[in-house]
Amino acid sequence: MDTIILPISFSNLPEKIEVEGYSLTRKSSFHISLVCTGKIIEKYKITIPDFLDKVVADFCEFVKENPIELLNWENEFKFVSEKERRAVITMCDISNLNKFFDHINRKYTLSLEYPPTHATIYTLQPDIGIFITDSSDIENLTKPIPSPNLILSKI
């Protein structure tokens, strides 16, 4: 497992939306990527032996005392572009995830950034999203878009 996720669901989302001249299709399933360990290893060139397994074990231990839950949707939508891929994401707030990143930063002497928590809801290529792991990804891969008139709620 390269990414720790929080499965979520939406109801009543249209099958397709038009954004920036693209016809995007609703994903068949939804999640919020909490810890993209594989991408973190790659981006930060982490060489700690068994880092992926250690972070998963740390996460399992952490959530025993610190619930990781969707708090709310921010009603902030972004159009994401990377090479030929396109997607629409919606930003959200997650409880205690920043505390988990503080914990692994201290434990492994790292300076990992708290991730921009979001859910990918529409994609150009069926069910193929784009990793957004930190503020540089938000800056370089996304652009804010007006709300596509979607009603999002915690389910």
Protein backbone atom coordinates (compact mmCIF):
# COMPACT_ATOMS: atom_id res chain seq x y z
CA MET A 1 0.00 0.00 0.00
CA ASP A 2 1.60 3.26 -1.14
CA THR A 3 -1.20 5.57 0.04
CA ILE A 4 -3.30 5.61 3.19
CA ILE A 5 -6.82 6.67 2.23
CA LEU A 6 -10.16 7.54 3.80
CA PRO A 7 -13.00 6.06 1.72
CA ILE A 8 -15.93 8.46 1.26
CA SER A 9 -19.11 8.61 -0.77
CA PHE A 10 -21.18 11.22 -2.51
CA SER A 11 -24.74 11.04 -3.67
CA ASN A 12 -26.55 12.83 -6.48
CA LEU A 13 -23.45 13.95 -8.39
CA PRO A 14 -24.07 14.32 -12.13
CA GLU A 15 -22.38 11.72 -14.32
CA LYS A 16 -20.53 14.39 -16.35
CA ILE A 17 -19.56 18.04 -16.02
CA GLU A 18 -17.93 20.48 -18.43
CA VAL A 19 -14.88 22.34 -17.10
CA GLU A 20 -12.31 24.38 -19.04
CA GLY A 21 -13.61 22.93 -22.30
CA TYR A 22 -13.27 19.31 -21.11
CA SER A 23 -16.06 16.81 -20.50
CA LEU A 24 -15.14 15.11 -17.23
CA THR A 25 -16.75 11.95 -15.85
CA ARG A 26 -17.66 11.27 -12.21
CA LYS A 27 -15.33 8.77 -10.57
CA SER A 28 -16.78 5.34 -9.80
CA SER A 29 -15.53 5.48 -6.19
CA PHE A 30 -14.16 8.20 -3.94
CA HIS A 31 -11.51 8.63 -1.28
CA ILE A 32 -9.36 11.23 0.40
CA SER A 33 -5.64 10.50 0.20
CA LEU A 34 -4.31 11.00 3.72
CA VAL A 35 -0.68 9.93 3.48
CA CYS A 36 0.81 9.39 0.02
CA THR A 37 3.80 7.50 1.37
CA GLY A 38 5.11 6.30 -2.00
CA LYS A 39 5.02 9.84 -3.43
CA ILE A 40 6.57 11.23 -0.21
CA ILE A 41 9.47 8.76 -0.49
CA GLU A 42 9.96 9.73 -4.13
CA LYS A 43 9.60 13.51 -3.68
CA TYR A 44 11.71 13.85 -0.53
CA LYS A 45 14.19 11.11 -1.52
CA ILE A 46 13.68 9.29 1.78
CA THR A 47 16.12 6.44 2.34
CA ILE A 48 14.89 5.27 5.76
CA PRO A 49 14.72 1.45 5.57
CA ASP A 50 11.12 0.13 5.47
CA PHE A 51 9.76 3.69 5.71
CA LEU A 52 6.47 2.79 4.03
CA ASP A 53 5.74 -0.07 6.46
CA LYS A 54 6.83 2.06 9.43
CA VAL A 55 4.49 4.91 8.48
CA VAL A 56 1.56 2.50 8.05
CA ALA A 57 2.27 1.03 11.51
CA ASP A 58 2.62 4.55 12.97
CA PHE A 59 -0.70 5.53 11.42
CA CYS A 60 -2.48 2.46 12.81
CA GLU A 61 -1.14 3.24 16.27
CA PHE A 62 -1.93 6.97 15.97
CA VAL A 63 -5.60 6.51 15.04
CA LYS A 64 -6.23 4.47 18.19
CA GLU A 65 -6.11 7.74 20.15
CA ASN A 66 -6.68 10.34 17.40
CA PRO A 67 -9.66 9.91 15.09
CA ILE A 68 -9.02 10.77 11.46
CA GLU A 69 -12.34 11.97 10.08
CA LEU A 70 -13.77 14.24 7.43
CA LEU A 71 -14.74 17.46 9.19
CA ASN A 72 -16.17 19.42 6.28
CA TRP A 73 -15.99 20.32 2.61
CA GLU A 74 -14.50 23.76 1.99
CA ASN A 75 -16.67 24.49 -1.09
CA GLU A 76 -13.37 25.09 -2.90
CA PHE A 77 -12.95 23.41 -6.26
CA LYS A 78 -9.81 23.15 -8.40
CA PHE A 79 -9.16 22.06 -11.95
CA VAL A 80 -6.05 19.87 -12.05
CA SER A 81 -3.82 19.38 -15.10
CA GLU A 82 -0.77 17.17 -15.43
CA LYS A 83 0.43 16.14 -18.87
CA GLU A 84 -2.64 14.66 -20.59
CA ARG A 85 -4.57 14.12 -17.36
CA ARG A 86 -7.36 16.41 -16.15
CA ALA A 87 -9.46 16.28 -12.99
CA VAL A 88 -11.64 18.30 -10.64
CA ILE A 89 -10.95 18.14 -6.93
CA THR A 90 -12.74 19.57 -3.94
CA MET A 91 -10.83 20.62 -0.85
CA CYS A 92 -11.73 19.41 2.65
CA ASP A 93 -10.68 19.46 6.29
CA ILE A 94 -9.61 16.28 8.09
CA SER A 95 -9.29 15.93 11.86
CA ASN A 96 -5.88 15.23 13.41
CA LEU A 97 -3.99 14.64 10.17
CA ASN A 98 -1.70 17.59 10.85
CA LYS A 99 -0.89 16.02 14.25
CA PHE A 100 0.05 12.78 12.48
CA PHE A 101 2.41 14.62 10.14
CA ASP A 102 3.92 16.46 13.12
CA HIS A 103 4.44 13.05 14.75
CA ILE A 104 6.22 11.44 11.79
CA ASN A 105 8.27 14.60 11.19
CA ARG A 106 9.55 14.42 14.77
CA LYS A 107 10.01 10.65 14.80
CA TYR A 108 11.97 10.47 11.52
CA THR A 109 13.55 13.96 11.62
CA LEU A 110 11.72 15.06 8.47
CA SER A 111 10.09 18.27 7.28
CA LEU A 112 7.08 16.89 5.45
CA GLU A 113 4.38 19.37 4.63
CA TYR A 114 0.82 18.80 5.78
CA PRO A 115 -1.01 17.60 2.65
CA PRO A 116 -3.73 19.65 0.92
CA THR A 117 -6.62 17.31 1.73
CA HIS A 118 -9.07 16.83 -1.09
CA ALA A 119 -11.18 14.36 -3.01
CA THR A 120 -10.98 13.85 -6.75
CA ILE A 121 -14.55 13.81 -8.00
CA TYR A 122 -14.26 14.04 -11.81
CA THR A 123 -11.57 12.94 -14.25
CA LEU A 124 -10.97 13.15 -17.99
CA GLN A 125 -9.61 9.61 -18.19
CA PRO A 126 -11.97 7.26 -16.32
CA ASP A 127 -10.95 6.99 -12.66
CA ILE A 128 -7.40 8.28 -13.24
CA GLY A 129 -6.58 11.03 -10.75
CA ILE A 130 -3.50 13.16 -10.21
CA PHE A 131 -1.44 13.09 -7.00
CA ILE A 132 -1.59 16.37 -5.05
CA THR A 133 0.75 15.94 -2.08
CA ASP A 134 1.82 19.44 -1.05
CA SER A 135 1.46 23.17 -1.69
CA SER A 136 3.81 23.08 -4.69
CA ASP A 137 1.45 20.61 -6.40
CA ILE A 138 -1.48 22.93 -5.64
CA GLU A 139 0.46 25.87 -7.06
CA ASN A 140 1.82 24.10 -10.14
CA LEU A 141 -0.95 21.68 -11.11
CA THR A 142 -4.22 23.36 -10.11
CA LYS A 143 -6.28 26.42 -10.73
CA PRO A 144 -9.34 27.49 -8.74
CA ILE A 145 -12.65 27.14 -10.53
CA PRO A 146 -16.13 28.26 -9.59
CA SER A 147 -18.27 25.68 -7.88
CA PRO A 148 -19.76 23.40 -10.53
CA ASN A 149 -23.03 23.64 -8.52
CA LEU A 150 -22.45 20.38 -6.71
CA ILE A 151 -23.93 19.73 -3.31
CA LEU A 152 -21.38 17.93 -1.14
CA SER A 153 -22.17 16.53 2.27
CA LYS A 154 -20.63 14.10 4.69
CA ILE A 155 -22.13 10.64 4.15
